[in-house]
Each structure stands twice: as C-alpha cells, then as structure tokens.
PDB file of N, CA and C in Angstrom:
ATOM      1  N   UNK A   1     132.295 119.035 105.345  1.00  0.00           N
ATOM      2  CA  UNK A   1     131.738 120.306 105.790  1.00  0.00           C
ATOM      3  C   UNK A   1     132.607 121.427 105.229  1.00  0.00           C
ATOM      4  N   UNK A   2     131.974 122.403 104.616  1.00  0.00           N
ATOM      5  CA  UNK A   2     132.717 123.552 104.125  1.00  0.00           C
ATOM      6  C   UNK A   2     132.575 124.724 105.111  1.00  0.00           C
ATOM      7  N   UNK A   3     133.169 125.868 104.768  1.00  0.00           N
ATOM      8  CA  UNK A   3     133.189 126.999 105.696  1.00  0.00           C
ATOM      9  C   UNK A   3     131.793 127.508 106.019  1.00  0.00           C
ATOM     10  N   UNK A   4     130.933 127.636 105.029  1.00  0.00           N
ATOM     11  CA  UNK A   4     129.586 128.156 105.295  1.00  0.00           C
ATOM     12  C   UNK A   4     128.780 127.194 106.169  1.00  0.00           C
ATOM     13  N   UNK A   5     128.960 125.896 105.970  1.00  0.00           N
ATOM     14  CA  UNK A   5     128.281 124.911 106.825  1.00  0.00           C
ATOM     15  C   UNK A   5     128.818 124.994 108.259  1.00  0.00           C
ATOM     16  N   UNK A   6     130.122 125.218 108.393  1.00  0.00           N
ATOM     17  CA  UNK A   6     130.712 125.366 109.728  1.00  0.00           C
ATOM     18  C   UNK A   6     130.180 126.620 110.410  1.00  0.00           C
ATOM     19  N   UNK A   7     130.060 127.706 109.670  1.00  0.00           N
ATOM     20  CA  UNK A   7     129.510 128.946 110.227  1.00  0.00           C
ATOM     21  C   UNK A   7     128.082 128.719 110.704  1.00  0.00           C
ATOM     22  N   UNK A   8     127.283 128.023 109.914  1.00  0.00           N
ATOM     23  CA  UNK A   8     125.907 127.702 110.323  1.00  0.00           C
ATOM     24  C   UNK A   8     125.896 126.877 111.607  1.00  0.00           C
ATOM     25  N   UNK A   9     126.782 125.893 111.701  1.00  0.00           N
ATOM     26  CA  UNK A   9     126.864 125.033 112.884  1.00  0.00           C
ATOM     27  C   UNK A   9     127.259 125.843 114.120  1.00  0.00           C
ATOM     28  N   UNK A  10     128.255 126.723 113.960  1.00  0.00           N
ATOM     29  CA  UNK A  10     128.709 127.567 115.079  1.00  0.00           C
ATOM     30  C   UNK A  10     127.576 128.485 115.524  1.00  0.00           C
ATOM     31  N   UNK A  11     126.902 129.122 114.569  1.00  0.00           N
ATOM     32  CA  UNK A  11     125.804 130.043 114.908  1.00  0.00           C
ATOM     33  C   UNK A  11     124.698 129.325 115.672  1.00  0.00           C
ATOM     34  N   UNK A  12     124.363 128.132 115.214  1.00  0.00           N
ATOM     35  CA  UNK A  12     123.308 127.361 115.874  1.00  0.00           C
ATOM     36  C   UNK A  12     123.741 126.898 117.263  1.00  0.00           C
ATOM     37  N   UNK A  13     124.950 126.384 117.381  1.00  0.00           N
ATOM     38  CA  UNK A  13     125.436 125.857 118.661  1.00  0.00           C
ATOM     39  C   UNK A  13     125.647 126.952 119.709  1.00  0.00           C
ATOM     40  N   UNK A  14     126.141 128.116 119.266  1.00  0.00           N
ATOM     41  CA  UNK A  14     126.442 129.198 120.202  1.00  0.00           C
ATOM     42  C   UNK A  14     125.289 130.177 120.355  1.00  0.00           C
ATOM     43  N   UNK A  15     124.196 129.925 119.644  1.00  0.00           N
ATOM     44  CA  UNK A  15     123.013 130.790 119.684  1.00  0.00           C
ATOM     45  C   UNK A  15     123.376 132.242 119.344  1.00  0.00           C
ATOM     46  N   UNK A  16     124.116 132.398 118.240  1.00  0.00           N
ATOM     47  CA  UNK A  16     124.465 133.722 117.725  1.00  0.00           C
ATOM     48  C   UNK A  16     124.068 133.762 116.252  1.00  0.00           C
ATOM     49  N   UNK A  17     124.075 134.963 115.662  1.00  0.00           N
ATOM     50  CA  UNK A  17     123.715 135.027 114.248  1.00  0.00           C
ATOM     51  C   UNK A  17     124.909 134.640 113.376  1.00  0.00           C
ATOM     52  N   UNK A  18     124.633 134.412 112.096  1.00  0.00           N
ATOM     53  CA  UNK A  18     125.661 133.928 111.170  1.00  0.00           C
ATOM     54  C   UNK A  18     126.770 134.945 110.969  1.00  0.00           C
ATOM     55  N   UNK A  19     126.441 136.215 111.005  1.00  0.00           N
ATOM     56  CA  UNK A  19     127.452 137.260 110.823  1.00  0.00           C
ATOM     57  C   UNK A  19     128.471 137.225 111.968  1.00  0.00           C
ATOM     58  N   UNK A  20     127.988 137.058 113.186  1.00  0.00           N
ATOM     59  CA  UNK A  20     128.879 136.968 114.352  1.00  0.00           C
ATOM     60  C   UNK A  20     129.707 135.685 114.299  1.00  0.00           C
ATOM     61  N   UNK A  21     129.094 134.593 113.882  1.00  0.00           N
ATOM     62  CA  UNK A  21     129.807 133.320 113.770  1.00  0.00           C
ATOM     63  C   UNK A  21     130.900 133.411 112.713  1.00  0.00           C
ATOM     64  N   UNK A  22     130.602 134.075 111.591  1.00  0.00           N
ATOM     65  CA  UNK A  22     131.588 134.265 110.527  1.00  0.00           C
ATOM     66  C   UNK A  22     132.761 135.096 111.038  1.00  0.00           C
ATOM     67  N   UNK A  23     132.462 136.177 111.763  1.00  0.00           N
ATOM     68  CA  UNK A  23     133.520 137.033 112.308  1.00  0.00           C
ATOM     69  C   UNK A  23     134.380 136.261 113.305  1.00  0.00           C
ATOM     70  N   UNK A  24     133.753 135.440 114.140  1.00  0.00           N
ATOM     71  CA  UNK A  24     134.495 134.652 115.129  1.00  0.00           C
ATOM     72  C   UNK A  24     135.401 133.630 114.452  1.00  0.00           C
ATOM     73  N   UNK A  25     134.883 132.949 113.446  1.00  0.00           N
ATOM     74  CA  UNK A  25     135.677 131.954 112.738  1.00  0.00           C
ATOM     75  C   UNK A  25     136.848 132.608 112.002  1.00  0.00           C
ATOM     76  N   UNK A  26     136.602 133.736 111.345  1.00  0.00           N
ATOM     77  CA  UNK A  26     137.673 134.449 110.654  1.00  0.00           C
ATOM     78  C   UNK A  26     138.745 134.933 111.625  1.00  0.00           C
ATOM     79  N   UNK A  27     138.330 135.409 112.796  1.00  0.00           N
ATOM     80  CA  UNK A  27     139.282 135.859 113.814  1.00  0.00           C
ATOM     81  C   UNK A  27     140.115 134.679 114.324  1.00  0.00           C
ATOM     82  N   UNK A  28     139.474 133.538 114.518  1.00  0.00           N
ATOM     83  CA  UNK A  28     140.165 132.324 114.959  1.00  0.00           C
ATOM     84  C   UNK A  28     141.226 131.909 113.952  1.00  0.00           C
ATOM     85  N   UNK A  29     140.850 131.868 112.678  1.00  0.00           N
ATOM     86  CA  UNK A  29     141.796 131.460 111.633  1.00  0.00           C
ATOM     87  C   UNK A  29     142.933 132.467 111.487  1.00  0.00           C
ATOM     88  N   UNK A  30     142.625 133.753 111.592  1.00  0.00           N
ATOM     89  CA  UNK A  30     143.655 134.789 111.479  1.00  0.00           C
ATOM     90  C   UNK A  30     144.635 134.710 112.642  1.00  0.00           C
ATOM     91  N   UNK A  31     144.129 134.438 113.834  1.00  0.00           N
ATOM     92  CA  UNK A  31     144.992 134.328 115.013  1.00  0.00           C
ATOM     93  C   UNK A  31     145.948 133.149 114.874  1.00  0.00           C
ATOM     94  N   UNK A  32     145.463 132.041 114.385  1.00  0.00           N
ATOM     95  CA  UNK A  32     146.320 130.870 114.176  1.00  0.00           C
ATOM     96  C   UNK A  32     147.371 131.176 113.118  1.00  0.00           C
ATOM     97  N   UNK A  33     146.961 131.785 112.011  1.00  0.00           N
ATOM     98  CA  UNK A  33     147.894 132.110 110.929  1.00  0.00           C
ATOM     99  C   UNK A  33     148.980 133.070 111.412  1.00  0.00           C
ATOM    100  N   UNK A  34     148.601 134.094 112.159  1.00  0.00           N
ATOM    101  CA  UNK A  34     149.587 135.066 112.667  1.00  0.00           C
ATOM    102  C   UNK A  34     150.563 134.409 113.641  1.00  0.00           C
ATOM    103  N   UNK A  35     150.058 133.523 114.481  1.00  0.00           N
ATOM    104  CA  UNK A  35     150.923 132.835 115.436  1.00  0.00           C
ATOM    105  C   UNK A  35     151.910 131.932 114.716  1.00  0.00           C
ATOM    106  N   UNK A  36     151.450 131.188 113.732  1.00  0.00           N
ATOM    107  CA  UNK A  36     152.332 130.312 112.958  1.00  0.00           C
ATOM    108  C   UNK A  36     153.352 131.131 112.175  1.00  0.00           C
ATOM    109  N   UNK A  37     152.937 132.280 111.674  1.00  0.00           N
ATOM    110  CA  UNK A  37     153.827 133.162 110.933  1.00  0.00           C
ATOM    111  C   UNK A  37     154.998 133.622 111.802  1.00  0.00           C
ATOM    112  N   UNK A  38     154.756 133.743 113.107  1.00  0.00           N
ATOM    113  CA  UNK A  38     155.794 134.136 114.061  1.00  0.00           C
ATOM    114  C   UNK A  38     156.628 132.939 114.516  1.00  0.00           C
ATOM    115  N   UNK A  39     156.424 131.787 113.870  1.00  0.00           N
ATOM    116  CA  UNK A  39     157.133 130.542 114.182  1.00  0.00           C
ATOM    117  C   UNK A  39     156.852 130.065 115.603  1.00  0.00           C
ATOM    118  N   UNK A  40     155.615 130.251 116.034  1.00  0.00           N
ATOM    119  CA  UNK A  40     155.169 129.774 117.341  1.00  0.00           C
ATOM    120  C   UNK A  40     154.107 128.714 117.095  1.00  0.00           C
ATOM    121  N   UNK A  41     153.620 128.075 118.145  1.00  0.00           N
ATOM    122  CA  UNK A  41     152.587 127.060 117.965  1.00  0.00           C
ATOM    123  C   UNK A  41     151.343 127.425 118.758  1.00  0.00           C
ATOM    124  N   UNK A  42     150.215 126.842 118.365  1.00  0.00           N
ATOM    125  CA  UNK A  42     148.936 127.072 119.031  1.00  0.00           C
ATOM    126  C   UNK A  42     148.469 125.736 119.590  1.00  0.00           C
ATOM    127  N   UNK A  43     148.341 125.652 120.914  1.00  0.00           N
ATOM    128  CA  UNK A  43     147.893 124.423 121.569  1.00  0.00           C
ATOM    129  C   UNK A  43     146.511 124.630 122.154  1.00  0.00           C
ATOM    130  N   UNK A  44     145.573 123.815 121.731  1.00  0.00           N
ATOM    131  CA  UNK A  44     144.224 123.823 122.261  1.00  0.00           C
ATOM    132  C   UNK A  44     144.045 122.493 122.986  1.00  0.00           C
ATOM    133  N   UNK A  45     144.161 122.516 124.301  1.00  0.00           N
ATOM    134  CA  UNK A  45     144.148 121.306 125.110  1.00  0.00           C
ATOM    135  C   UNK A  45     142.921 120.451 124.782  1.00  0.00           C
ATOM    136  N   UNK A  46     143.180 119.195 124.471  1.00  0.00           N
ATOM    137  CA  UNK A  46     142.116 118.256 124.146  1.00  0.00           C
ATOM    138  C   UNK A  46     141.761 118.243 122.673  1.00  0.00           C
ATOM    139  N   UNK A  47     141.986 119.356 121.964  1.00  0.00           N
ATOM    140  CA  UNK A  47     141.649 119.434 120.542  1.00  0.00           C
ATOM    141  C   UNK A  47     142.853 119.125 119.669  1.00  0.00           C
ATOM    142  N   UNK A  48     143.959 119.844 119.909  1.00  0.00           N
ATOM    143  CA  UNK A  48     145.154 119.590 119.123  1.00  0.00           C
ATOM    144  C   UNK A  48     146.108 120.762 119.116  1.00  0.00           C
ATOM    145  N   UNK A  49     147.185 120.613 118.362  1.00  0.00           N
ATOM    146  CA  UNK A  49     148.232 121.625 118.282  1.00  0.00           C
ATOM    147  C   UNK A  49     148.561 121.937 116.826  1.00  0.00           C
ATOM    148  N   UNK A  50     148.527 123.226 116.512  1.00  0.00           N
ATOM    149  CA  UNK A  50     148.961 123.708 115.203  1.00  0.00           C
ATOM    150  C   UNK A  50     150.414 124.132 115.344  1.00  0.00           C
ATOM    151  N   UNK A  51     151.267 123.708 114.423  1.00  0.00           N
ATOM    152  CA  UNK A  51     152.677 124.099 114.476  1.00  0.00           C
ATOM    153  C   UNK A  51     153.200 124.287 113.059  1.00  0.00           C
ATOM    154  N   UNK A  52     154.412 124.805 112.979  1.00  0.00           N
ATOM    155  CA  UNK A  52     155.043 125.066 111.698  1.00  0.00           C
ATOM    156  C   UNK A  52     156.219 124.121 111.543  1.00  0.00           C
ATOM    157  N   UNK A  53     156.345 123.537 110.387  1.00  0.00           N
ATOM    158  CA  UNK A  53     157.451 122.634 110.085  1.00  0.00           C
ATOM    159  C   UNK A  53     158.192 123.192 108.887  1.00  0.00           C
ATOM    160  N   UNK A  54     159.504 123.152 108.941  1.00  0.00           N
ATOM    161  CA  UNK A  54     160.312 123.646 107.830  1.00  0.00           C
ATOM    162  C   UNK A  54     160.686 122.482 106.927  1.00  0.00           C
ATOM    163  N   UNK A  55     160.320 122.592 105.660  1.00  0.00           N
ATOM    164  CA  UNK A  55     160.634 121.553 104.680  1.00  0.00           C
ATOM    165  C   UNK A  55     161.857 122.029 103.892  1.00  0.00           C
ATOM    166  N   UNK A  56     162.917 121.245 103.897  1.00  0.00           N
ATOM    167  CA  UNK A  56     164.167 121.615 103.234  1.00  0.00           C
ATOM    168  C   UNK A  56     164.025 121.568 101.717  1.00  0.00           C
ATOM    169  N   UNK A  57     164.903 122.310 101.043  1.00  0.00           N
ATOM    170  CA  UNK A  57     164.945 122.262  99.579  1.00  0.00           C
ATOM    171  C   UNK A  57     165.392 120.860  99.160  1.00  0.00           C
ATOM    172  N   UNK A  58     164.893 120.433  98.005  1.00  0.00           N
ATOM    173  CA  UNK A  58     165.253 119.087  97.554  1.00  0.00           C
ATOM    174  C   UNK A  58     165.151 119.015  96.037  1.00  0.00           C
ATOM    175  N   UNK A  59     165.678 117.931  95.502  1.00  0.00           N
ATOM    176  CA  UNK A  59     165.564 117.678  94.071  1.00  0.00           C
ATOM    177  C   UNK A  59     164.345 116.805  93.817  1.00  0.00           C
ATOM    178  N   UNK A  60     163.661 117.091  92.736  1.00  0.00           N
ATOM    179  CA  UNK A  60     162.504 116.299  92.343  1.00  0.00           C
ATOM    180  C   UNK A  60     162.591 115.981  90.860  1.00  0.00           C
ATOM    181  N   UNK A  61     161.606 115.296  90.360  1.00  0.00           N
ATOM    182  CA  UNK A  61     161.587 114.941  88.938  1.00  0.00           C
ATOM    183  C   UNK A  61     160.281 115.400  88.306  1.00  0.00           C
ATOM    184  N   UNK A  62     160.393 115.946  87.105  1.00  0.00           N
ATOM    185  CA  UNK A  62     159.223 116.277  86.316  1.00  0.00           C
ATOM    186  C   UNK A  62     158.713 114.952  85.744  1.00  0.00           C
ATOM    187  N   UNK A  63     157.500 114.533  86.100  1.00  0.00           N
ATOM    188  CA  UNK A  63     157.016 113.226  85.643  1.00  0.00           C
ATOM    189  C   UNK A  63     156.824 113.126  84.125  1.00  0.00           C
ATOM    190  N   UNK A  64     156.629 114.248  83.459  1.00  0.00           N
ATOM    191  CA  UNK A  64     156.419 114.202  82.006  1.00  0.00           C
ATOM    192  C   UNK A  64     157.726 114.047  81.239  1.00  0.00           C
ATOM    193  N   UNK A  65     158.765 114.763  81.709  1.00  0.00           N
ATOM    194  CA  UNK A  65     160.029 114.750  80.965  1.00  0.00           C
ATOM    195  C   UNK A  65     161.113 113.926  81.637  1.00  0.00           C
ATOM    196  N   UNK A  66     160.966 113.659  82.929  1.00  0.00           N
ATOM    197  CA  UNK A  66     161.992 112.922  83.664  1.00  0.00           C
ATOM    198  C   UNK A  66     163.157 113.801  84.099  1.00  0.00           C
ATOM    199  N   UNK A  67     163.106 115.094  83.758  1.00  0.00           N
ATOM    200  CA  UNK A  67     164.176 116.026  84.132  1.00  0.00           C
ATOM    201  C   UNK A  67     164.179 116.272  85.632  1.00  0.00           C
ATOM    202  N   UNK A  68     165.379 116.460  86.177  1.00  0.00           N
ATOM    203  CA  UNK A  68     165.524 116.814  87.592  1.00  0.00           C
ATOM    204  C   UNK A  68     165.217 118.295  87.755  1.00  0.00           C
ATOM    205  N   UNK A  69     164.411 118.618  88.782  1.00  0.00           N
ATOM    206  CA  UNK A  69     164.083 120.013  89.070  1.00  0.00           C
ATOM    207  C   UNK A  69     164.393 120.306  90.532  1.00  0.00           C
ATOM    208  N   UNK A  70     164.615 121.567  90.837  1.00  0.00           N
ATOM    209  CA  UNK A  70     164.860 121.996  92.214  1.00  0.00           C
ATOM    210  C   UNK A  70     163.525 122.383  92.840  1.00  0.00           C
ATOM    211  N   UNK A  71     163.245 121.843  94.004  1.00  0.00           N
ATOM    212  CA  UNK A  71     162.051 122.199  94.761  1.00  0.00           C
ATOM    213  C   UNK A  71     162.520 123.056  95.926  1.00  0.00           C
ATOM    214  N   UNK A  72     162.001 124.269  96.023  1.00  0.00           N
ATOM    215  CA  UNK A  72     162.448 125.237  97.024  1.00  0.00           C
ATOM    216  C   UNK A  72     162.034 124.820  98.434  1.00  0.00           C
ATOM    217  N   UNK A  73     162.775 125.303  99.416  1.00  0.00           N
ATOM    218  CA  UNK A  73     162.427 125.091 100.821  1.00  0.00           C
ATOM    219  C   UNK A  73     161.158 125.883 101.124  1.00  0.00           C
ATOM    220  N   UNK A  74     160.363 125.393 102.065  1.00  0.00           N
ATOM    221  CA  UNK A  74     159.150 126.114 102.447  1.00  0.00           C
ATOM    222  C   UNK A  74     158.697 125.706 103.834  1.00  0.00           C
ATOM    223  N   UNK A  75     157.868 126.555 104.430  1.00  0.00           N
ATOM    224  CA  UNK A  75     157.262 126.259 105.714  1.00  0.00           C
ATOM    225  C   UNK A  75     155.913 125.598 105.479  1.00  0.00           C
ATOM    226  N   UNK A  76     155.593 124.596 106.292  1.00  0.00           N
ATOM    227  CA  UNK A  76     154.357 123.840 106.149  1.00  0.00           C
ATOM    228  C   UNK A  76     153.639 123.816 107.500  1.00  0.00           C
ATOM    229  N   UNK A  77     152.340 124.105 107.481  1.00  0.00           N
ATOM    230  CA  UNK A  77     151.536 124.036 108.699  1.00  0.00           C
ATOM    231  C   UNK A  77     151.223 122.574 109.005  1.00  0.00           C
ATOM    232  N   UNK A  78     151.310 122.207 110.290  1.00  0.00           N
ATOM    233  CA  UNK A  78     150.994 120.844 110.725  1.00  0.00           C
ATOM    234  C   UNK A  78     149.954 120.910 111.829  1.00  0.00           C
ATOM    235  N   UNK A  79     149.190 119.848 111.972  1.00  0.00           N
ATOM    236  CA  UNK A  79     148.207 119.743 113.043  1.00  0.00           C
ATOM    237  C   UNK A  79     148.346 118.378 113.683  1.00  0.00           C
ATOM    238  N   UNK A  80     148.536 118.360 115.000  1.00  0.00           N
ATOM    239  CA  UNK A  80     148.600 117.104 115.742  1.00  0.00           C
ATOM    240  C   UNK A  80     147.336 117.018 116.595  1.00  0.00           C
ATOM    241  N   UNK A  81     146.588 115.954 116.423  1.00  0.00           N
ATOM    242  CA  UNK A  81     145.316 115.766 117.110  1.00  0.00           C
ATOM    243  C   UNK A  81     145.545 115.580 118.609  1.00  0.00           C
ATOM    244  N   UNK A  82     144.684 116.231 119.408  1.00  0.00           N
ATOM    245  CA  UNK A  82     144.728 116.087 120.862  1.00  0.00           C
ATOM    246  C   UNK A  82     144.044 114.803 121.311  1.00  0.00           C
ATOM    247  N   UNK A  83     144.287 114.431 122.550  1.00  0.00           N
ATOM    248  CA  UNK A  83     143.789 113.157 123.078  1.00  0.00           C
ATOM    249  C   UNK A  83     142.258 113.068 123.058  1.00  0.00           C
ATOM    250  N   UNK A  84     141.570 114.122 123.526  1.00  0.00           N
ATOM    251  CA  UNK A  84     140.094 114.067 123.576  1.00  0.00           C
ATOM    252  C   UNK A  84     139.490 113.971 122.191  1.00  0.00           C
ATOM    253  N   UNK A  85     140.001 114.751 121.238  1.00  0.00           N
ATOM    254  CA  UNK A  85     139.495 114.686 119.864  1.00  0.00           C
ATOM    255  C   UNK A  85     139.770 113.327 119.263  1.00  0.00           C
ATOM    256  N   UNK A  86     140.924 112.782 119.529  1.00  0.00           N
ATOM    257  CA  UNK A  86     141.270 111.460 119.026  1.00  0.00           C
ATOM    258  C   UNK A  86     140.308 110.393 119.560  1.00  0.00           C
ATOM    259  N   UNK A  87     139.946 110.499 120.842  1.00  0.00           N
ATOM    260  CA  UNK A  87     139.015 109.545 121.429  1.00  0.00           C
ATOM    261  C   UNK A  87     137.623 109.675 120.812  1.00  0.00           C
ATOM    262  N   UNK A  88     137.203 110.903 120.511  1.00  0.00           N
ATOM    263  CA  UNK A  88     135.885 111.137 119.937  1.00  0.00           C
ATOM    264  C   UNK A  88     135.770 110.552 118.537  1.00  0.00           C
ATOM    265  N   UNK A  89     136.822 110.655 117.744  1.00  0.00           N
ATOM    266  CA  UNK A  89     136.734 110.204 116.356  1.00  0.00           C
ATOM    267  C   UNK A  89     137.069 108.731 116.184  1.00  0.00           C
ATOM    268  N   UNK A  90     137.469 108.063 117.224  1.00  0.00           N
ATOM    269  CA  UNK A  90     137.796 106.635 117.105  1.00  0.00           C
ATOM    270  C   UNK A  90     136.572 105.792 117.147  1.00  0.00           C
TER     271      UNK A  90
END
C-alpha cells in the first residue's frame, strides 16, 4: 500500500473526503517526526512505539575497492510493534 492508497482507505473508513484524509495523515507524520526530532518517543497503545536510536560512527568497507571508509554516526527511527497489532498480523 502506498500513501495515496492509504489516504483512500482513511477517507473511506472515516467517512471524510480525500483532502481531509491527506491533511490528517500529513499532520500525523509531521507530529511523529517532530517528536522524534526532540529525542522523545511516540507510544500508541496496542499499535506500537516510534523511537529514536543513535547509531555510532564505525568503519566500513567499499565493496568495489576494498578500502576502509568512515561511516558517520546518525540517528535512526525505530518502530516496535504493539501487542494488539502483533496479534492481528500473526
């Protein structure tokens, strides 16, 4: 499912138009991004938890040349599935 298909699904399920569904989805994604940017987490009981993980700098290898390269540290978004969602998809 891509974003436009998700917007269609939300509009149909919530009985709203596609423009409102698009605005709601964009607001949801922006809220999660802003919260993670502040190094906080978002917990949706039963669905899951979005959190930020810090990945340390490390050495890697260029597969073409075999040379050692430095890979910079970075923050990575993580998602841990909630119990109800896990039960639904099993």
